[in-house]
Protein backbone atom coordinates (compact mmCIF):
# COMPACT_ATOMS: atom_id res chain seq x y z
CA PRO A 1 159.04 272.01 -42.11
CA GLU A 2 158.81 275.77 -41.66
CA VAL A 3 156.33 275.80 -39.36
CA GLY A 4 157.51 275.20 -35.66
CA ALA A 5 154.04 274.00 -33.91
CA CYS A 6 151.74 271.01 -36.29
CA ALA A 7 148.47 272.91 -34.25
CA SER A 8 149.39 276.22 -35.33
CA ILE A 9 148.29 274.70 -39.39
CA ILE A 10 145.75 272.55 -37.55
CA ALA A 11 144.56 276.74 -35.62
CA GLN A 12 144.59 277.83 -39.42
CA TYR A 13 142.64 276.00 -41.00
CA PHE A 14 139.59 276.45 -38.46
CA ILE A 15 140.01 280.29 -38.95
CA GLU A 16 140.82 280.62 -42.53
CA ASN A 17 137.82 278.59 -43.07
CA ASN A 18 135.44 280.12 -40.40
CA ILE A 19 134.76 277.34 -38.77
CA PRO A 20 133.60 277.70 -35.57
CA MET A 21 136.53 277.79 -32.75
CA ASN A 22 135.56 276.54 -28.90
CA LYS A 23 136.69 277.60 -26.00
CA ARG A 24 138.57 273.52 -25.47
CA ILE A 25 139.71 273.72 -29.12
CA ALA A 26 141.51 277.25 -28.36
CA THR A 27 142.87 275.85 -25.59
CA ALA A 28 144.13 272.54 -27.01
CA LEU A 29 145.32 274.25 -29.86
CA THR A 30 147.33 276.79 -27.70
CA PHE A 31 148.77 274.41 -25.67
CA GLY A 32 149.96 272.49 -28.25
CA ILE A 33 151.96 275.32 -30.13
CA ARG A 34 153.25 276.58 -27.14
CA MET A 35 154.86 273.11 -26.48
CA ASP A 36 156.02 272.45 -29.79
CA THR A 37 158.06 275.83 -29.36
CA LYS A 38 159.19 275.23 -25.64
CA ASN A 39 157.18 278.02 -24.93
CA LEU A 40 158.26 280.46 -27.51
CA SER A 41 161.63 279.60 -26.83
CA ARG A 42 162.67 277.64 -30.75
CA GLY A 43 161.17 276.94 -33.87
CA VAL A 44 159.53 279.98 -33.91
CA SER A 45 157.17 280.91 -37.04
CA LYS A 46 155.62 283.89 -38.17
CA LEU A 47 152.19 280.96 -38.54
CA ASP A 48 152.83 279.99 -34.69
CA MET A 49 152.59 283.94 -33.75
CA GLU A 50 149.87 284.42 -36.03
CA MET A 51 147.04 281.33 -34.32
CA LEU A 52 148.28 282.88 -31.38
CA TYR A 53 147.49 286.10 -31.57
CA GLN A 54 144.31 285.22 -33.20
CA MET A 55 142.79 282.57 -30.28
CA PHE A 56 144.22 284.17 -26.91
CA ASP A 57 141.06 285.71 -26.26
CA TRP A 58 139.30 282.04 -26.70
CA TYR A 59 141.00 279.57 -24.49
CA ASP A 60 141.15 279.28 -21.20
CA GLN A 61 144.07 280.34 -19.42
CA ASP A 62 143.65 279.17 -16.05
CA MET A 63 143.83 275.33 -17.52
CA ILE A 64 146.70 275.99 -19.81
CA HIS A 65 148.46 277.43 -16.77
CA SER A 66 147.49 274.17 -15.04
CA LEU A 67 148.57 271.54 -17.79
CA GLU A 68 151.98 273.58 -18.26
CA ASN A 69 152.79 273.09 -14.83
CA SER A 70 151.01 269.96 -13.65
CA ASN A 71 151.72 267.74 -16.72
CA LEU A 72 153.62 264.58 -15.62
CA TYR A 73 152.48 261.83 -13.96
CA PHE A 74 153.60 259.77 -11.27
CA GLU A 75 154.82 256.83 -13.25
CA ASP A 76 156.04 259.31 -16.03
CA LEU A 77 159.44 259.34 -13.56
CA MET A 78 160.48 255.47 -14.35
CA ALA A 79 160.87 256.46 -17.58
CA TYR A 80 162.82 259.65 -17.02
CA SER A 81 164.62 257.69 -14.32
CA ARG A 82 165.59 254.71 -17.49
CA ALA A 83 166.65 257.22 -19.51
CA ILE A 84 168.66 258.54 -16.81
CA SER A 85 170.69 255.32 -16.18
CA SER A 86 170.79 254.79 -20.09
CA ILE A 87 172.41 258.10 -21.07
CA GLN A 88 175.56 257.91 -23.53
CA VAL A 89 177.29 260.22 -24.46
CA TYR A 90 179.73 260.01 -27.40
CA ALA A 91 181.17 264.31 -28.17
CA ASN A 92 178.02 266.77 -28.09
CA ILE A 93 175.52 262.89 -28.78
CA SER A 94 173.49 261.76 -26.44
CA PHE A 95 171.64 258.45 -26.13
CA ALA A 96 168.84 257.39 -24.07
CA ASP A 97 166.51 254.53 -24.19
CA THR A 98 162.89 255.26 -22.00
CA GLY A 99 162.18 251.78 -21.86
CA LYS A 100 159.16 249.48 -23.48
CA ASP A 101 156.39 250.97 -24.39
CA CYS A 102 156.49 254.78 -23.95
CA PRO A 103 154.42 257.64 -24.76
CA GLU A 104 155.36 259.21 -27.65
CA GLY A 105 154.85 262.41 -26.04
CA LEU A 106 156.99 260.91 -22.98
CA ILE A 107 159.64 259.94 -25.50
CA ALA A 108 159.77 263.66 -26.67
CA SER A 109 160.24 265.28 -23.16
CA VAL A 110 162.66 263.28 -22.03
CA SER A 111 164.97 264.01 -24.91
CA ASP A 112 163.74 267.89 -24.57
CA PHE A 113 165.20 266.79 -20.42
CA MET A 114 168.32 265.86 -21.90
CA LEU A 115 169.17 268.80 -23.73
CA ALA A 116 169.84 270.58 -20.40
CA LEU A 117 173.05 268.48 -20.03
CA VAL A 118 175.73 270.82 -20.52
CA GLU A 119 178.13 268.21 -22.49
CA VAL A 120 174.15 267.71 -24.90
CA THR A 121 173.51 269.48 -28.09
CA PHE A 122 171.92 266.81 -29.80
CA SER A 123 169.50 264.62 -28.22
CA ILE A 124 168.26 261.11 -29.10
CA VAL A 125 165.91 259.15 -26.83
CA TYR A 126 164.15 255.78 -28.05
CA SER A 127 161.39 253.41 -26.62
CA ARG A 128 160.79 249.56 -28.14
CA LYS A 129 157.29 249.59 -29.66
CA ARG A 130 155.86 245.86 -30.01
CA ASP A 131 156.34 246.42 -34.50
CA GLY A 132 159.60 248.90 -33.91
CA ILE A 133 161.82 251.38 -32.39
CA LYS A 134 160.51 254.63 -32.11
CA LEU A 135 162.81 258.15 -31.67
CA SER A 136 162.51 261.40 -30.63
CA VAL A 137 165.62 263.80 -31.05
CA ARG A 138 166.48 267.68 -30.41
CA SER A 139 169.50 269.43 -31.50
CA GLU A 140 170.45 273.08 -30.51
CA TRP A 141 172.70 273.73 -32.93
CA PRO A 142 171.59 275.43 -35.52
CA GLU A 143 173.98 273.48 -38.00
CA LEU A 144 172.91 270.10 -37.64
CA ASP A 145 169.81 269.86 -38.54
CA ALA A 146 167.14 266.94 -36.49
CA GLY A 147 164.87 266.58 -39.46
CA LYS A 148 167.35 266.21 -42.05
CA ILE A 149 169.86 264.27 -40.02
CA ILE A 150 167.49 261.74 -38.79
CA SER A 151 166.18 261.45 -42.12
CA ARG A 152 169.84 260.42 -43.41
CA ALA A 153 170.53 258.44 -40.67
CA LEU A 154 167.82 256.15 -40.97
CA ASP A 155 167.92 255.04 -44.31
CA GLY A 156 167.62 251.97 -45.54
CA ILE A 157 165.97 250.84 -41.93
CA GLY A 158 163.30 252.79 -41.26
CA ASN A 159 162.04 256.78 -41.59
CA GLY A 160 162.35 259.70 -39.89
CA GLY A 161 161.72 263.78 -40.50
CA GLY A 162 160.84 266.98 -38.77
CA HIS A 163 162.12 270.52 -38.26
CA ALA A 164 165.99 271.75 -37.19
CA ALA A 165 165.65 271.79 -33.76
CA MET A 166 163.24 268.34 -33.26
CA ALA A 167 162.23 265.84 -34.93
CA GLY A 168 160.75 262.06 -34.78
CA GLY A 169 161.87 258.70 -36.58
CA PHE A 170 160.80 254.76 -36.63
CA VAL A 171 162.36 251.81 -37.04
CA PRO A 172 160.09 248.47 -38.00
CA PHE A 173 161.28 246.12 -35.88
CA LYS A 174 160.94 242.31 -34.63
CA GLY A 175 163.55 240.41 -33.56
CA THR A 176 165.08 239.25 -30.28
CA ASP A 177 166.41 241.19 -27.91
CA VAL A 178 169.77 240.54 -28.68
CA GLU A 179 169.06 241.08 -32.42
CA LEU A 180 167.18 244.76 -30.43
CA ASP A 181 170.82 245.60 -28.85
CA LEU A 182 172.84 244.70 -32.31
CA LEU A 183 170.24 247.50 -34.16
CA ILE A 184 170.11 250.26 -31.23
CA ARG A 185 174.12 249.92 -31.77
CA ASP A 186 174.22 250.54 -35.58
CA ILE A 187 171.44 253.44 -34.90
CA GLN A 188 173.65 254.95 -32.53
CA GLU A 189 176.72 254.70 -35.02
CA ARG A 190 174.46 255.85 -38.27
CA PHE A 191 173.53 259.39 -35.76
CA ILE A 192 177.32 259.49 -35.20
CA ARG A 193 178.73 259.16 -38.70
CA VAL A 194 175.74 261.61 -40.04
CA VAL A 195 177.16 264.17 -37.32
CA ARG A 196 180.25 264.61 -37.60
CA GLU A 197 179.79 264.58 -41.90
CA VAL A 198 177.77 267.34 -40.91
CA GLY A 199 179.91 269.03 -39.33
CA LYS A 200 182.47 268.52 -40.67
CA LYS A 201 181.04 270.37 -44.52
CA GLU A 202 180.02 273.26 -41.75
CA SER A 203 183.12 273.73 -40.48
């Protein structure tokens, strides 16, 4: 949990075991570290920085530039549109729905996007999948640990975890749309309750 990106751990496996790393792998891992740490602006650990340094001469800089500046497809805009039209804000907490079967990476990107709102410091974005609900959580407050909060909020109905700044979770579900609405409402109430409890302890 103290490492900012899973890609850093994978890179460490390569380097510590003297496994050759070609340019494509180095580029993918470098991009992963930069994405998960939001270009080194959140949750960065010493290992993240060390792995970026180790791979500096190996990755394709032009490819990284292309990926970072052209990583949104036209159809992805629909997920942003659905999230914007469905967003609900309670105090500093936002909830947004990206629609059915939204790719997990896009759910996470939309959750990051919601933090751009001045009123929001804790973002929850979700999408209904075939077998349940996928959630992505982001936090800008050190006091509101995203990983711990999602774990507590989903306790008994699903599972979740992650870092202080970002986390993910899943709630199994195969019911009707009416039951889905009730479940979403329950999830929202759970998050609001846990965030308030944490806020009271910190104050």
